[in-house]
Amino acid sequence: MTDEGLEYTPRYHKILGTAEAIARTMGHTHVGTEHLFLAILQDQDAVPTQALAEQIAPQRITDGLTRIMHSAEYSGAPEGDFPCESDL
């Protein structure tokens, strides 16, 4: 539970853990939205995955993200690009 009274679901914690594992497996030193997106896509019961599946095969998105993340142009999230929530 947070200070604002919001409860984090078990799926939320699972997605965060999966995103971290994906980042580590890829050899990345950060966990970014791309890792979160891949983690969500791995969970077939997640609402975003189900909604996307109505329009496109989630595997196509996974393949595209993975291809980009393994390309020479991918640099991840450079430090200082985005302020932390606590900095706002």
PDB file of N, CA and C in Angstrom:
ATOM      1  N   MET A   1       0.845  -1.172   0.000  1.00  0.00           N
ATOM      2  CA  MET A   1       0.000   0.000   0.000  1.00  0.00           C
ATOM      3  C   MET A   1       0.895   1.242   0.000  1.00  0.00           C
ATOM      4  N   THR A   2       0.457   2.318  -0.664  1.00  0.00           N
ATOM      5  CA  THR A   2       1.231   3.550  -0.719  1.00  0.00           C
ATOM      6  C   THR A   2       0.680   4.550   0.280  1.00  0.00           C
ATOM      7  N   ASP A   3       1.367   5.689   0.380  1.00  0.00           N
ATOM      8  CA  ASP A   3       0.914   6.752   1.274  1.00  0.00           C
ATOM      9  C   ASP A   3      -0.455   7.292   0.866  1.00  0.00           C
ATOM     10  N   GLU A   4      -0.765   7.208  -0.416  1.00  0.00           N
ATOM     11  CA  GLU A   4      -2.035   7.731  -0.915  1.00  0.00           C
ATOM     12  C   GLU A   4      -3.170   6.733  -0.768  1.00  0.00           C
ATOM     13  N   GLY A   5      -2.896   5.569  -0.199  1.00  0.00           N
ATOM     14  CA  GLY A   5      -3.939   4.571  -0.004  1.00  0.00           C
ATOM     15  C   GLY A   5      -4.178   3.671  -1.198  1.00  0.00           C
ATOM     16  N   LEU A   6      -3.330   3.759  -2.215  1.00  0.00           N
ATOM     17  CA  LEU A   6      -3.459   2.875  -3.370  1.00  0.00           C
ATOM     18  C   LEU A   6      -2.814   1.533  -3.052  1.00  0.00           C
ATOM     19  N   GLU A   7      -3.457   0.484  -3.507  1.00  0.00           N
ATOM     20  CA  GLU A   7      -2.906  -0.850  -3.298  1.00  0.00           C
ATOM     21  C   GLU A   7      -2.268  -1.333  -4.583  1.00  0.00           C
ATOM     22  N   TYR A   8      -1.041  -1.845  -4.490  1.00  0.00           N
ATOM     23  CA  TYR A   8      -0.374  -2.429  -5.638  1.00  0.00           C
ATOM     24  C   TYR A   8      -0.750  -3.902  -5.713  1.00  0.00           C
ATOM     25  N   THR A   9      -1.237  -4.320  -6.866  1.00  0.00           N
ATOM     26  CA  THR A   9      -1.702  -5.687  -7.048  1.00  0.00           C
ATOM     27  C   THR A   9      -0.524  -6.647  -7.231  1.00  0.00           C
ATOM     28  N   PRO A  10      -0.774  -7.929  -7.019  1.00  0.00           N
ATOM     29  CA  PRO A  10       0.274  -8.923  -7.288  1.00  0.00           C
ATOM     30  C   PRO A  10       0.750  -8.863  -8.745  1.00  0.00           C
ATOM     31  N   ARG A  11      -0.152  -8.590  -9.683  1.00  0.00           N
ATOM     32  CA  ARG A  11       0.242  -8.498 -11.100  1.00  0.00           C
ATOM     33  C   ARG A  11       1.208  -7.333 -11.298  1.00  0.00           C
ATOM     34  N   TYR A  12       0.969  -6.223 -10.620  1.00  0.00           N
ATOM     35  CA  TYR A  12       1.858  -5.058 -10.696  1.00  0.00           C
ATOM     36  C   TYR A  12       3.278  -5.467 -10.282  1.00  0.00           C
ATOM     37  N   HIS A  13       3.392  -6.127  -9.150  1.00  0.00           N
ATOM     38  CA  HIS A  13       4.701  -6.557  -8.661  1.00  0.00           C
ATOM     39  C   HIS A  13       5.338  -7.574  -9.610  1.00  0.00           C
ATOM     40  N   LYS A  14       4.522  -8.462 -10.160  1.00  0.00           N
ATOM     41  CA  LYS A  14       5.034  -9.466 -11.099  1.00  0.00           C
ATOM     42  C   LYS A  14       5.590  -8.779 -12.348  1.00  0.00           C
ATOM     43  N   ILE A  15       4.860  -7.795 -12.880  1.00  0.00           N
ATOM     44  CA  ILE A  15       5.302  -7.071 -14.081  1.00  0.00           C
ATOM     45  C   ILE A  15       6.613  -6.350 -13.814  1.00  0.00           C
ATOM     46  N   LEU A  16       6.734  -5.707 -12.660  1.00  0.00           N
ATOM     47  CA  LEU A  16       7.985  -5.010 -12.334  1.00  0.00           C
ATOM     48  C   LEU A  16       9.150  -5.987 -12.257  1.00  0.00           C
ATOM     49  N   GLY A  17       8.925  -7.122 -11.623  1.00  0.00           N
ATOM     50  CA  GLY A  17       9.978  -8.136 -11.529  1.00  0.00           C
ATOM     51  C   GLY A  17      10.357  -8.693 -12.887  1.00  0.00           C
ATOM     52  N   THR A  18       9.361  -8.917 -13.725  1.00  0.00           N
ATOM     53  CA  THR A  18       9.627  -9.430 -15.074  1.00  0.00           C
ATOM     54  C   THR A  18      10.387  -8.395 -15.894  1.00  0.00           C
ATOM     55  N   ALA A  19      10.019  -7.124 -15.769  1.00  0.00           N
ATOM     56  CA  ALA A  19      10.718  -6.061 -16.498  1.00  0.00           C
ATOM     57  C   ALA A  19      12.178  -5.995 -16.079  1.00  0.00           C
ATOM     58  N   GLU A  20      12.441  -6.131 -14.790  1.00  0.00           N
ATOM     59  CA  GLU A  20      13.816  -6.134 -14.303  1.00  0.00           C
ATOM     60  C   GLU A  20      14.582  -7.333 -14.865  1.00  0.00           C
ATOM     61  N   ALA A  21      13.946  -8.493 -14.878  1.00  0.00           N
ATOM     62  CA  ALA A  21      14.590  -9.692 -15.409  1.00  0.00           C
ATOM     63  C   ALA A  21      14.892  -9.529 -16.901  1.00  0.00           C
ATOM     64  N   ILE A  22      13.979  -8.934 -17.635  1.00  0.00           N
ATOM     65  CA  ILE A  22      14.191  -8.700 -19.069  1.00  0.00           C
ATOM     66  C   ILE A  22      15.394  -7.786 -19.262  1.00  0.00           C
ATOM     67  N   ALA A  23      15.458  -6.701 -18.496  1.00  0.00           N
ATOM     68  CA  ALA A  23      16.574  -5.764 -18.616  1.00  0.00           C
ATOM     69  C   ALA A  23      17.901  -6.461 -18.316  1.00  0.00           C
ATOM     70  N   ARG A  24      17.925  -7.250 -17.258  1.00  0.00           N
ATOM     71  CA  ARG A  24      19.158  -7.962 -16.896  1.00  0.00           C
ATOM     72  C   ARG A  24      19.554  -8.963 -17.991  1.00  0.00           C
ATOM     73  N   THR A  25      18.569  -9.695 -18.511  1.00  0.00           N
ATOM     74  CA  THR A  25      18.838 -10.678 -19.565  1.00  0.00           C
ATOM     75  C   THR A  25      19.417 -10.012 -20.802  1.00  0.00           C
ATOM     76  N   MET A  26      18.958  -8.803 -21.093  1.00  0.00           N
ATOM     77  CA  MET A  26      19.448  -8.074 -22.264  1.00  0.00           C
ATOM     78  C   MET A  26      20.773  -7.369 -21.988  1.00  0.00           C
ATOM     79  N   GLY A  27      21.232  -7.442 -20.748  1.00  0.00           N
ATOM     80  CA  GLY A  27      22.491  -6.791 -20.406  1.00  0.00           C
ATOM     81  C   GLY A  27      22.376  -5.300 -20.196  1.00  0.00           C
ATOM     82  N   HIS A  28      21.160  -4.814 -19.965  1.00  0.00           N
ATOM     83  CA  HIS A  28      20.953  -3.382 -19.767  1.00  0.00           C
ATOM     84  C   HIS A  28      21.175  -3.008 -18.306  1.00  0.00           C
ATOM     85  N   THR A  29      21.570  -1.777 -18.094  1.00  0.00           N
ATOM     86  CA  THR A  29      21.822  -1.283 -16.738  1.00  0.00           C
ATOM     87  C   THR A  29      20.682  -0.433 -16.216  1.00  0.00           C
ATOM     88  N   HIS A  30      19.584  -0.424 -16.921  1.00  0.00           N
ATOM     89  CA  HIS A  30      18.411   0.339 -16.511  1.00  0.00           C
ATOM     90  C   HIS A  30      17.154  -0.475 -16.804  1.00  0.00           C
ATOM     91  N   VAL A  31      16.059  -0.114 -16.168  1.00  0.00           N
ATOM     92  CA  VAL A  31      14.738  -0.678 -16.488  1.00  0.00           C
ATOM     93  C   VAL A  31      13.910   0.485 -16.992  1.00  0.00           C
ATOM     94  N   GLY A  32      13.526   0.409 -18.243  1.00  0.00           N
ATOM     95  CA  GLY A  32      12.766   1.490 -18.850  1.00  0.00           C
ATOM     96  C   GLY A  32      11.380   1.045 -19.268  1.00  0.00           C
ATOM     97  N   THR A  33      10.660   1.970 -19.866  1.00  0.00           N
ATOM     98  CA  THR A  33       9.305   1.665 -20.314  1.00  0.00           C
ATOM     99  C   THR A  33       9.287   0.540 -21.329  1.00  0.00           C
ATOM    100  N   GLU A  34      10.356   0.414 -22.114  1.00  0.00           N
ATOM    101  CA  GLU A  34      10.414  -0.664 -23.094  1.00  0.00           C
ATOM    102  C   GLU A  34      10.437  -2.023 -22.404  1.00  0.00           C
ATOM    103  N   HIS A  35      11.124  -2.111 -21.273  1.00  0.00           N
ATOM    104  CA  HIS A  35      11.160  -3.365 -20.516  1.00  0.00           C
ATOM    105  C   HIS A  35       9.802  -3.639 -19.867  1.00  0.00           C
ATOM    106  N   LEU A  36       9.177  -2.578 -19.363  1.00  0.00           N
ATOM    107  CA  LEU A  36       7.835  -2.736 -18.786  1.00  0.00           C
ATOM    108  C   LEU A  36       6.847  -3.204 -19.847  1.00  0.00           C
ATOM    109  N   PHE A  37       6.947  -2.615 -21.031  1.00  0.00           N
ATOM    110  CA  PHE A  37       6.035  -2.984 -22.115  1.00  0.00           C
ATOM    111  C   PHE A  37       6.224  -4.453 -22.488  1.00  0.00           C
ATOM    112  N   LEU A  38       7.467  -4.887 -22.604  1.00  0.00           N
ATOM    113  CA  LEU A  38       7.729  -6.303 -22.912  1.00  0.00           C
ATOM    114  C   LEU A  38       7.189  -7.207 -21.807  1.00  0.00           C
ATOM    115  N   ALA A  39       7.332  -6.788 -20.563  1.00  0.00           N
ATOM    116  CA  ALA A  39       6.828  -7.581 -19.434  1.00  0.00           C
ATOM    117  C   ALA A  39       5.306  -7.680 -19.475  1.00  0.00           C
ATOM    118  N   ILE A  40       4.651  -6.594 -19.788  1.00  0.00           N
ATOM    119  CA  ILE A  40       3.183  -6.607 -19.891  1.00  0.00           C
ATOM    120  C   ILE A  40       2.750  -7.533 -21.026  1.00  0.00           C
ATOM    121  N   LEU A  41       3.454  -7.453 -22.153  1.00  0.00           N
ATOM    122  CA  LEU A  41       3.102  -8.297 -23.298  1.00  0.00           C
ATOM    123  C   LEU A  41       3.277  -9.783 -23.001  1.00  0.00           C
ATOM    124  N   GLN A  42       4.154 -10.129 -22.068  1.00  0.00           N
ATOM    125  CA  GLN A  42       4.342 -11.537 -21.700  1.00  0.00           C
ATOM    126  C   GLN A  42       3.178 -12.070 -20.873  1.00  0.00           C
ATOM    127  N   ASP A  43       2.402 -11.169 -20.288  1.00  0.00           N
ATOM    128  CA  ASP A  43       1.269 -11.572 -19.450  1.00  0.00           C
ATOM    129  C   ASP A  43      -0.006 -11.551 -20.290  1.00  0.00           C
ATOM    130  N   GLN A  44      -0.401 -12.711 -20.787  1.00  0.00           N
ATOM    131  CA  GLN A  44      -1.561 -12.797 -21.678  1.00  0.00           C
ATOM    132  C   GLN A  44      -2.866 -12.400 -21.003  1.00  0.00           C
ATOM    133  N   ASP A  45      -2.900 -12.419 -19.672  1.00  0.00           N
ATOM    134  CA  ASP A  45      -4.113 -12.052 -18.952  1.00  0.00           C
ATOM    135  C   ASP A  45      -4.176 -10.563 -18.617  1.00  0.00           C
ATOM    136  N   ALA A  46      -3.103  -9.822 -18.888  1.00  0.00           N
ATOM    137  CA  ALA A  46      -3.093  -8.384 -18.611  1.00  0.00           C
ATOM    138  C   ALA A  46      -4.048  -7.671 -19.569  1.00  0.00           C
ATOM    139  N   VAL A  47      -4.787  -6.723 -19.044  1.00  0.00           N
ATOM    140  CA  VAL A  47      -5.769  -5.997 -19.857  1.00  0.00           C
ATOM    141  C   VAL A  47      -5.120  -5.326 -21.071  1.00  0.00           C
ATOM    142  N   PRO A  48      -3.960  -4.645 -20.934  1.00  0.00           N
ATOM    143  CA  PRO A  48      -3.362  -4.041 -22.131  1.00  0.00           C
ATOM    144  C   PRO A  48      -3.019  -5.065 -23.210  1.00  0.00           C
ATOM    145  N   THR A  49      -2.539  -6.230 -22.802  1.00  0.00           N
ATOM    146  CA  THR A  49      -2.205  -7.275 -23.768  1.00  0.00           C
ATOM    147  C   THR A  49      -3.458  -7.757 -24.478  1.00  0.00           C
ATOM    148  N   GLN A  50      -4.543  -7.928 -23.739  1.00  0.00           N
ATOM    149  CA  GLN A  50      -5.799  -8.362 -24.345  1.00  0.00           C
ATOM    150  C   GLN A  50      -6.326  -7.312 -25.319  1.00  0.00           C
ATOM    151  N   ALA A  51      -6.231  -6.036 -24.943  1.00  0.00           N
ATOM    152  CA  ALA A  51      -6.715  -4.963 -25.826  1.00  0.00           C
ATOM    153  C   ALA A  51      -5.882  -4.891 -27.104  1.00  0.00           C
ATOM    154  N   LEU A  52      -4.564  -5.005 -26.970  1.00  0.00           N
ATOM    155  CA  LEU A  52      -3.697  -4.986 -28.150  1.00  0.00           C
ATOM    156  C   LEU A  52      -3.956  -6.187 -29.048  1.00  0.00           C
ATOM    157  N   ALA A  53      -4.214  -7.340 -28.428  1.00  0.00           N
ATOM    158  CA  ALA A  53      -4.444  -8.568 -29.194  1.00  0.00           C
ATOM    159  C   ALA A  53      -5.665  -8.454 -30.102  1.00  0.00           C
ATOM    160  N   GLU A  54      -6.579  -7.541 -29.782  1.00  0.00           N
ATOM    161  CA  GLU A  54      -7.740  -7.336 -30.648  1.00  0.00           C
ATOM    162  C   GLU A  54      -7.349  -6.623 -31.945  1.00  0.00           C
ATOM    163  N   GLN A  55      -6.190  -5.956 -31.945  1.00  0.00           N
ATOM    164  CA  GLN A  55      -5.757  -5.176 -33.095  1.00  0.00           C
ATOM    165  C   GLN A  55      -4.553  -5.774 -33.829  1.00  0.00           C
ATOM    166  N   ILE A  56      -3.646  -6.387 -33.055  1.00  0.00           N
ATOM    167  CA  ILE A  56      -2.397  -6.904 -33.627  1.00  0.00           C
ATOM    168  C   ILE A  56      -1.889  -8.020 -32.712  1.00  0.00           C
ATOM    169  N   ALA A  57      -1.167  -8.934 -33.280  1.00  0.00           N
ATOM    170  CA  ALA A  57      -0.600 -10.021 -32.475  1.00  0.00           C
ATOM    171  C   ALA A  57       0.455  -9.450 -31.536  1.00  0.00           C
ATOM    172  N   PRO A  58       0.294  -9.623 -30.223  1.00  0.00           N
ATOM    173  CA  PRO A  58       1.297  -9.100 -29.280  1.00  0.00           C
ATOM    174  C   PRO A  58       2.718  -9.555 -29.607  1.00  0.00           C
ATOM    175  N   GLN A  59       2.885 -10.735 -30.174  1.00  0.00           N
ATOM    176  CA  GLN A  59       4.219 -11.210 -30.530  1.00  0.00           C
ATOM    177  C   GLN A  59       4.880 -10.309 -31.568  1.00  0.00           C
ATOM    178  N   ARG A  60       4.087  -9.720 -32.455  1.00  0.00           N
ATOM    179  CA  ARG A  60       4.644  -8.796 -33.459  1.00  0.00           C
ATOM    180  C   ARG A  60       5.228  -7.573 -32.771  1.00  0.00           C
ATOM    181  N   ILE A  61       4.545  -7.090 -31.739  1.00  0.00           N
ATOM    182  CA  ILE A  61       5.046  -5.932 -30.995  1.00  0.00           C
ATOM    183  C   ILE A  61       6.313  -6.329 -30.238  1.00  0.00           C
ATOM    184  N   THR A  62       6.273  -7.482 -29.591  1.00  0.00           N
ATOM    185  CA  THR A  62       7.445  -7.982 -28.872  1.00  0.00           C
ATOM    186  C   THR A  62       8.636  -8.103 -29.809  1.00  0.00           C
ATOM    187  N   ASP A  63       8.413  -8.681 -30.981  1.00  0.00           N
ATOM    188  CA  ASP A  63       9.498  -8.846 -31.957  1.00  0.00           C
ATOM    189  C   ASP A  63      10.063  -7.495 -32.393  1.00  0.00           C
ATOM    190  N   GLY A  64       9.181  -6.531 -32.644  1.00  0.00           N
ATOM    191  CA  GLY A  64       9.626  -5.196 -33.059  1.00  0.00           C
ATOM    192  C   GLY A  64      10.416  -4.487 -31.974  1.00  0.00           C
ATOM    193  N   LEU A  65       9.911  -4.539 -30.749  1.00  0.00           N
ATOM    194  CA  LEU A  65      10.624  -3.912 -29.633  1.00  0.00           C
ATOM    195  C   LEU A  65      11.995  -4.550 -29.436  1.00  0.00           C
ATOM    196  N   THR A  66      12.031  -5.870 -29.462  1.00  0.00           N
ATOM    197  CA  THR A  66      13.284  -6.585 -29.252  1.00  0.00           C
ATOM    198  C   THR A  66      14.285  -6.254 -30.358  1.00  0.00           C
ATOM    199  N   ARG A  67      13.811  -6.179 -31.588  1.00  0.00           N
ATOM    200  CA  ARG A  67      14.685  -5.838 -32.717  1.00  0.00           C
ATOM    201  C   ARG A  67      15.286  -4.450 -32.498  1.00  0.00           C
ATOM    202  N   ILE A  68      14.465  -3.491 -32.126  1.00  0.00           N
ATOM    203  CA  ILE A  68      14.947  -2.127 -31.895  1.00  0.00           C
ATOM    204  C   ILE A  68      15.930  -2.087 -30.732  1.00  0.00           C
ATOM    205  N   MET A  69      15.625  -2.827 -29.670  1.00  0.00           N
ATOM    206  CA  MET A  69      16.469  -2.811 -28.478  1.00  0.00           C
ATOM    207  C   MET A  69      17.821  -3.499 -28.712  1.00  0.00           C
ATOM    208  N   HIS A  70      17.917  -4.308 -29.748  1.00  0.00           N
ATOM    209  CA  HIS A  70      19.181  -4.949 -30.086  1.00  0.00           C
ATOM    210  C   HIS A  70      19.912  -4.225 -31.223  1.00  0.00           C
ATOM    211  N   SER A  71      19.336  -3.143 -31.718  1.00  0.00           N
ATOM    212  CA  SER A  71      19.953  -2.411 -32.824  1.00  0.00           C
ATOM    213  C   SER A  71      21.058  -1.494 -32.311  1.00  0.00           C
ATOM    214  N   ALA A  72      21.926  -1.093 -33.215  1.00  0.00           N
ATOM    215  CA  ALA A  72      23.037  -0.212 -32.869  1.00  0.00           C
ATOM    216  C   ALA A  72      22.538   1.174 -32.441  1.00  0.00           C
ATOM    217  N   GLU A  73      21.365   1.551 -32.910  1.00  0.00           N
ATOM    218  CA  GLU A  73      20.820   2.871 -32.597  1.00  0.00           C
ATOM    219  C   GLU A  73      20.231   2.959 -31.193  1.00  0.00           C
ATOM    220  N   TYR A  74      19.918   1.815 -30.593  1.00  0.00           N
ATOM    221  CA  TYR A  74      19.297   1.806 -29.272  1.00  0.00           C
ATOM    222  C   TYR A  74      20.310   2.222 -28.221  1.00  0.00           C
ATOM    223  N   SER A  75      19.923   3.204 -27.424  1.00  0.00           N
ATOM    224  CA  SER A  75      20.825   3.647 -26.366  1.00  0.00           C
ATOM    225  C   SER A  75      20.150   3.592 -25.005  1.00  0.00           C
ATOM    226  N   GLY A  76      18.920   3.122 -24.963  1.00  0.00           N
ATOM    227  CA  GLY A  76      18.213   3.089 -23.681  1.00  0.00           C
ATOM    228  C   GLY A  76      17.823   4.477 -23.249  1.00  0.00           C
ATOM    229  N   ALA A  77      17.697   4.667 -21.954  1.00  0.00           N
ATOM    230  CA  ALA A  77      17.308   5.962 -21.409  1.00  0.00           C
ATOM    231  C   ALA A  77      18.536   6.649 -20.830  1.00  0.00           C
ATOM    232  N   PRO A  78      19.110   7.583 -21.579  1.00  0.00           N
ATOM    233  CA  PRO A  78      20.283   8.287 -21.055  1.00  0.00           C
ATOM    234  C   PRO A  78      19.939   9.009 -19.753  1.00  0.00           C
ATOM    235  N   GLU A  79      20.883   9.027 -18.848  1.00  0.00           N
ATOM    236  CA  GLU A  79      20.653   9.698 -17.573  1.00  0.00           C
ATOM    237  C   GLU A  79      20.342  11.162 -17.809  1.00  0.00           C
ATOM    238  N   GLY A  80      19.397  11.667 -17.040  1.00  0.00           N
ATOM    239  CA  GLY A  80      19.052  13.062 -17.107  1.00  0.00           C
ATOM    240  C   GLY A  80      18.034  13.407 -18.182  1.00  0.00           C
ATOM    241  N   ASP A  81      17.618  12.422 -18.991  1.00  0.00           N
ATOM    242  CA  ASP A  81      16.638  12.698 -20.032  1.00  0.00           C
ATOM    243  C   ASP A  81      15.292  13.107 -19.467  1.00  0.00           C
ATOM    244  N   PHE A  82      14.855  12.402 -18.441  1.00  0.00           N
ATOM    245  CA  PHE A  82      13.557  12.649 -17.861  1.00  0.00           C
ATOM    246  C   PHE A  82      13.700  12.862 -16.361  1.00  0.00           C
ATOM    247  N   PRO A  83      12.996  13.851 -15.817  1.00  0.00           N
ATOM    248  CA  PRO A  83      13.075  14.054 -14.375  1.00  0.00           C
ATOM    249  C   PRO A  83      12.362  12.930 -13.628  1.00  0.00           C
ATOM    250  N   CYS A  84      12.876  12.594 -12.471  1.00  0.00           N
ATOM    251  CA  CYS A  84      12.199  11.637 -11.610  1.00  0.00           C
ATOM    252  C   CYS A  84      10.945  12.296 -11.058  1.00  0.00           C
ATOM    253  N   GLU A  85       9.963  11.494 -10.724  1.00  0.00           N
ATOM    254  CA  GLU A  85       8.724  12.024 -10.164  1.00  0.00           C
ATOM    255  C   GLU A  85       9.010  12.881  -8.935  1.00  0.00           C
ATOM    256  N   SER A  86       9.984  12.479  -8.135  1.00  0.00           N
ATOM    257  CA  SER A  86      10.299  13.245  -6.925  1.00  0.00           C
ATOM    258  C   SER A  86      10.931  14.605  -7.252  1.00  0.00           C
ATOM    259  N   ASP A  87      11.442  14.764  -8.480  1.00  0.00           N
ATOM    260  CA  ASP A  87      12.042  16.033  -8.899  1.00  0.00           C
ATOM    261  C   ASP A  87      11.012  17.028  -9.413  1.00  0.00           C
ATOM    262  N   LEU A  88       9.812  16.560  -9.681  1.00  0.00           N
ATOM    263  CA  LEU A  88       8.777  17.441 -10.258  1.00  0.00           C
ATOM    264  C   LEU A  88       8.146  18.315  -9.209  1.00  0.00           C
TER     265      LEU A  88
END
